Amino acid sequence: MLAEDIMCDLISGIDIKPFGPLRKGSHVLALPTAFGTKRRIHGCTKNLMMISYEWEKGGKMPTHDHEVEQISYVLEGKVKVTIGDETFIAEKGDAYTEPKRIAHCMEALEPSATLEVFAPPRPLFLVLEAVAYHDVHGAFEGVKKGMEASKRQK
């Protein structure tokens, strides 16, 4: 079981609240990741999430899969992508899809930016953003609700 699957089980009780009709770019945190990138969540509803990544040259997303579908669009730069057994180069203006539960990875061949849409949203990203916004209490309350909901389902 993937760490994100465990997190999804734990926070499955969170009532994902849409960000509202407008989320000003100046209010969107650029959260650094361990992969040579910064992630921004631009919008989220109960069914969709849109994020962007800014990649340093050589930044890599390690091989992983998840229980959501993903569409990625290259805003700037050039990236090497592997999805399942297929590897290709995607450049500015190219888009690619990552089906759920199919292993995929990416490497920025030059400074790049991608726009990513997930359906349904990735709860782990919401928790990380809540913590970054210092809404630690809200994040932990969501985990607590998810754990209670998970116990009731068993």
Protein backbone atom coordinates (compact mmCIF):
# COMPACT_ATOMS: atom_id res chain seq x y z
CA MET A 1 0.00 0.00 0.00
CA LEU A 2 1.34 3.44 -0.93
CA ALA A 3 1.89 6.09 1.73
CA GLU A 4 -0.61 8.30 -0.07
CA ASP A 5 -3.21 5.50 0.01
CA ILE A 6 -2.77 5.33 3.77
CA MET A 7 -3.09 9.11 4.01
CA CYS A 8 -6.20 9.02 1.79
CA ASP A 9 -7.74 6.41 4.08
CA LEU A 10 -6.91 8.51 7.11
CA ILE A 11 -8.37 11.71 5.71
CA SER A 12 -11.25 10.24 3.73
CA GLY A 13 -13.65 11.96 6.13
CA ILE A 14 -12.44 15.43 5.22
CA ASP A 15 -15.12 17.53 3.61
CA ILE A 16 -13.13 19.05 0.75
CA LYS A 17 -14.22 22.64 0.47
CA PRO A 18 -13.84 24.42 -2.86
CA PHE A 19 -11.52 27.42 -2.76
CA GLY A 20 -14.28 29.64 -4.12
CA PRO A 21 -14.85 31.08 -7.57
CA LEU A 22 -11.61 33.12 -7.53
CA ARG A 23 -8.27 32.24 -5.99
CA LYS A 24 -5.88 35.13 -6.57
CA GLY A 25 -2.46 34.06 -7.77
CA SER A 26 -0.88 36.27 -5.13
CA HIS A 27 -2.58 34.14 -2.45
CA VAL A 28 -1.24 30.82 -3.74
CA LEU A 29 1.75 29.50 -1.82
CA ALA A 30 4.66 28.04 -3.79
CA LEU A 31 5.53 25.04 -1.62
CA PRO A 32 9.01 23.58 -2.20
CA THR A 33 9.19 19.83 -2.58
CA ALA A 34 12.12 17.44 -2.24
CA PHE A 35 12.23 16.97 -6.02
CA GLY A 36 13.73 20.25 -7.27
CA THR A 37 10.35 21.85 -7.76
CA LYS A 38 7.75 24.16 -6.24
CA ARG A 39 4.07 23.15 -6.16
CA ARG A 40 1.07 25.50 -6.17
CA ILE A 41 -2.57 24.48 -5.74
CA HIS A 42 -4.58 26.82 -7.95
CA GLY A 43 -8.02 25.37 -7.46
CA CYS A 44 -9.87 22.50 -5.90
CA THR A 45 -13.45 21.24 -5.91
CA LYS A 46 -14.83 17.97 -4.59
CA ASN A 47 -14.02 16.34 -7.96
CA LEU A 48 -11.03 18.21 -9.44
CA MET A 49 -7.73 19.71 -8.41
CA MET A 50 -5.47 21.95 -10.50
CA ILE A 51 -1.85 22.49 -9.49
CA SER A 52 1.30 23.73 -11.14
CA TYR A 53 4.94 22.83 -10.71
CA GLU A 54 8.00 24.96 -11.39
CA TRP A 55 10.91 22.64 -12.18
CA GLU A 56 14.63 23.30 -11.91
CA LYS A 57 16.75 21.69 -14.61
CA GLY A 58 17.35 18.12 -13.42
CA GLY A 59 14.37 18.18 -11.05
CA LYS A 60 12.80 14.72 -10.90
CA MET A 61 9.48 13.30 -9.80
CA PRO A 62 10.35 9.74 -8.75
CA THR A 63 8.41 6.77 -10.07
CA HIS A 64 5.06 6.55 -8.32
CA ASP A 65 1.39 5.86 -8.94
CA HIS A 66 -1.81 7.01 -7.29
CA GLU A 67 -5.50 6.31 -7.15
CA VAL A 68 -6.43 9.37 -9.22
CA GLU A 69 -6.31 10.26 -12.90
CA GLN A 70 -3.98 13.03 -14.01
CA ILE A 71 -3.58 15.24 -17.05
CA SER A 72 -0.37 17.25 -17.37
CA TYR A 73 0.32 20.19 -19.66
CA VAL A 74 3.81 21.62 -20.27
CA LEU A 75 3.63 25.41 -19.87
CA GLU A 76 7.36 26.02 -20.36
CA GLY A 77 10.46 23.98 -21.01
CA LYS A 78 11.07 20.33 -21.83
CA VAL A 79 10.50 17.24 -19.68
CA LYS A 80 11.25 13.54 -20.05
CA VAL A 81 8.23 11.48 -19.01
CA THR A 82 7.79 7.76 -18.44
CA ILE A 83 4.28 6.35 -18.10
CA GLY A 84 4.14 2.60 -17.75
CA ASP A 85 6.52 1.23 -20.42
CA GLU A 86 6.48 4.36 -22.60
CA THR A 87 9.09 7.15 -22.38
CA PHE A 88 8.87 10.39 -24.35
CA ILE A 89 9.92 14.05 -24.37
CA ALA A 90 7.15 16.61 -23.82
CA GLU A 91 7.74 20.28 -24.66
CA LYS A 92 5.88 23.55 -24.22
CA GLY A 93 2.31 23.06 -25.46
CA ASP A 94 2.30 19.25 -25.10
CA ALA A 95 -0.08 17.39 -22.81
CA TYR A 96 -0.08 13.82 -21.52
CA THR A 97 -2.33 11.66 -19.38
CA GLU A 98 -1.43 9.46 -16.44
CA PRO A 99 -4.12 6.86 -15.70
CA LYS A 100 -4.67 5.88 -12.10
CA ARG A 101 -2.48 3.08 -10.72
CA ILE A 102 -0.01 3.29 -13.63
CA ALA A 103 3.58 4.01 -12.56
CA HIS A 104 4.97 7.26 -13.93
CA CYS A 105 7.92 9.61 -13.42
CA MET A 106 9.32 12.81 -14.89
CA GLU A 107 12.59 14.70 -15.21
CA ALA A 108 12.99 18.35 -16.21
CA LEU A 109 15.54 18.54 -19.03
CA GLU A 110 15.64 22.33 -18.64
CA PRO A 111 13.86 24.82 -16.36
CA SER A 112 10.19 23.95 -16.90
CA ALA A 113 6.65 24.53 -15.68
CA THR A 114 3.73 22.11 -15.82
CA LEU A 115 0.03 22.44 -15.10
CA GLU A 116 -1.57 19.31 -13.64
CA VAL A 117 -5.21 18.36 -13.15
CA PHE A 118 -6.20 15.51 -10.83
CA ALA A 119 -9.59 13.82 -10.59
CA PRO A 120 -10.48 13.36 -7.83
CA PRO A 121 -8.26 15.73 -5.80
CA ARG A 122 -5.18 14.40 -4.01
CA PRO A 123 -5.99 14.86 -0.30
CA LEU A 124 -2.34 14.70 0.71
CA PHE A 125 -1.65 17.95 -1.17
CA LEU A 126 -4.51 19.66 0.69
CA VAL A 127 -3.12 18.55 4.05
CA LEU A 128 0.38 19.76 3.14
CA GLU A 129 -1.02 23.13 2.08
CA ALA A 130 -3.08 23.42 5.28
CA VAL A 131 0.05 22.79 7.33
CA ALA A 132 2.01 25.32 5.23
CA TYR A 133 -0.70 27.90 5.89
CA HIS A 134 -0.24 27.08 9.60
CA ASP A 135 -3.70 25.56 9.75
CA VAL A 136 -2.18 22.65 11.63
CA HIS A 137 -5.27 22.30 13.79
CA GLY A 138 -7.48 22.05 10.68
CA ALA A 139 -5.17 19.47 9.10
CA PHE A 140 -5.14 17.29 12.21
CA GLU A 141 -8.89 17.64 12.69
CA GLY A 142 -9.31 16.38 9.12
CA VAL A 143 -7.07 13.38 9.83
CA LYS A 144 -9.03 12.65 13.01
CA LYS A 145 -12.35 12.78 11.10
CA GLY A 146 -10.92 10.52 8.42
CA MET A 147 -9.74 7.97 10.99
CA GLU A 148 -13.17 7.93 12.63
CA ALA A 149 -14.88 7.48 9.24
CA SER A 150 -12.44 4.68 8.34
CA LYS A 151 -13.24 2.83 11.60
CA ARG A 152 -16.98 3.10 10.91
CA GLN A 153 -16.50 1.59 7.42
CA LYS A 154 -14.74 -1.52 8.79
